């Protein structure tokens, strides 16, 4: 079955400030932004236009290598995560590159 983040990292429940981030799973699942487009983004125009607010979730559970995942923070900033590498096991690690509006 699927565990949420707090299932794996229960210490998160102890945080006093909990800001919501919404991940655009539609764009990520359908590979609508390529890693090359992510790399070429030099301003926030792609960060804003890539985000599809109708297909979002507070979880991002399919963060496979080569995926680009648009997101929006609780404070309204847009960003994207490029998954450079990800182990597909519970004890694995993940390498990310992140771009976010200033």
Protein backbone atom coordinates (compact mmCIF):
# COMPACT_ATOMS: atom_id res chain seq x y z
CA UNK A 1 0.00 0.00 0.00
CA UNK A 2 0.84 3.63 -0.25
CA UNK A 3 2.21 5.55 2.75
CA UNK A 4 2.17 9.31 2.93
CA UNK A 5 5.31 11.25 3.76
CA UNK A 6 4.48 11.31 7.47
CA UNK A 7 4.27 7.52 7.35
CA UNK A 8 7.94 7.42 6.41
CA UNK A 9 9.03 10.52 8.35
CA UNK A 10 6.83 10.85 11.46
CA UNK A 11 9.03 13.66 12.80
CA UNK A 12 7.27 15.95 10.29
CA UNK A 13 4.23 15.89 12.58
CA UNK A 14 6.30 17.74 15.20
CA UNK A 15 6.86 20.80 13.01
CA UNK A 16 5.06 23.91 14.16
CA UNK A 17 4.97 25.53 10.71
CA UNK A 18 3.49 23.38 7.97
CA UNK A 19 3.34 25.06 4.56
CA UNK A 20 1.45 23.33 1.78
CA UNK A 21 3.04 22.64 -1.59
CA UNK A 22 0.89 21.40 -4.46
CA UNK A 23 2.51 19.21 -7.11
CA UNK A 24 1.20 19.10 -10.69
CA UNK A 25 1.03 15.36 -11.31
CA UNK A 26 -0.63 15.71 -14.74
CA UNK A 27 2.29 17.57 -16.29
CA UNK A 28 4.77 15.20 -14.64
CA UNK A 29 2.91 11.97 -15.49
CA UNK A 30 2.50 13.01 -19.13
CA UNK A 31 6.08 14.28 -19.53
CA UNK A 32 4.90 17.72 -20.70
CA UNK A 33 8.13 19.42 -19.59
CA UNK A 34 11.41 17.77 -20.57
CA UNK A 35 14.64 17.88 -18.58
CA UNK A 36 16.15 19.94 -21.43
CA UNK A 37 13.34 22.53 -21.12
CA UNK A 38 13.97 22.65 -17.35
CA UNK A 39 17.70 23.19 -17.93
CA UNK A 40 17.03 25.96 -20.47
CA UNK A 41 14.61 27.90 -18.21
CA UNK A 42 16.36 31.16 -17.28
CA UNK A 43 13.38 33.07 -15.87
CA UNK A 44 10.06 32.19 -14.28
CA UNK A 45 7.91 32.05 -17.44
CA UNK A 46 8.12 28.24 -17.76
CA UNK A 47 7.71 27.82 -14.00
CA UNK A 48 4.36 29.64 -14.17
CA UNK A 49 3.02 28.29 -17.47
CA UNK A 50 3.95 24.63 -16.83
CA UNK A 51 1.83 24.43 -13.66
CA UNK A 52 -1.68 23.00 -14.27
CA UNK A 53 -3.81 23.90 -11.22
CA UNK A 54 -6.61 21.48 -12.13
CA UNK A 55 -4.45 18.37 -11.64
CA UNK A 56 -2.56 18.79 -8.37
CA UNK A 57 -1.89 16.88 -5.18
CA UNK A 58 -0.09 17.44 -1.90
CA UNK A 59 1.83 14.23 -2.60
CA UNK A 60 4.30 13.51 -5.36
CA UNK A 61 4.76 9.78 -5.36
CA UNK A 62 6.05 9.09 -8.88
CA UNK A 63 9.33 11.00 -8.79
CA UNK A 64 11.27 8.90 -11.28
CA UNK A 65 14.54 9.95 -12.90
CA UNK A 66 13.94 12.21 -15.89
CA UNK A 67 10.65 13.63 -14.59
CA UNK A 68 10.02 17.34 -14.22
CA UNK A 69 7.41 18.18 -11.60
CA UNK A 70 5.86 21.67 -11.51
CA UNK A 71 4.69 22.90 -8.11
CA UNK A 72 3.17 25.88 -6.32
CA UNK A 73 3.91 26.80 -2.73
CA UNK A 74 1.43 28.01 -0.14
CA UNK A 75 2.87 31.52 -0.55
CA UNK A 76 2.06 31.43 -4.30
CA UNK A 77 5.55 30.87 -5.71
CA UNK A 78 5.88 28.58 -8.71
CA UNK A 79 8.71 26.15 -9.25
CA UNK A 80 9.82 22.94 -10.87
CA UNK A 81 11.72 19.91 -9.65
CA UNK A 82 13.89 17.88 -12.02
CA UNK A 83 14.51 14.35 -10.79
CA UNK A 84 18.12 13.65 -11.75
CA UNK A 85 18.28 10.18 -10.20
CA UNK A 86 16.09 8.15 -7.87
CA UNK A 87 16.45 4.71 -6.35
CA UNK A 88 13.22 2.74 -6.49
CA UNK A 89 13.35 1.18 -3.05
CA UNK A 90 12.45 2.27 0.47
CA UNK A 91 16.08 2.68 1.54
CA UNK A 92 17.15 4.59 -1.57
CA UNK A 93 18.15 8.13 -2.29
CA UNK A 94 17.06 10.84 -4.71
CA UNK A 95 18.96 13.66 -6.42
CA UNK A 96 16.91 16.73 -7.37
CA UNK A 97 17.46 20.04 -9.11
CA UNK A 98 14.96 22.72 -8.10
CA UNK A 99 14.05 26.07 -9.63
CA UNK A 100 11.68 28.42 -7.81
CA UNK A 101 10.52 31.99 -8.25
CA UNK A 102 12.48 34.57 -6.29
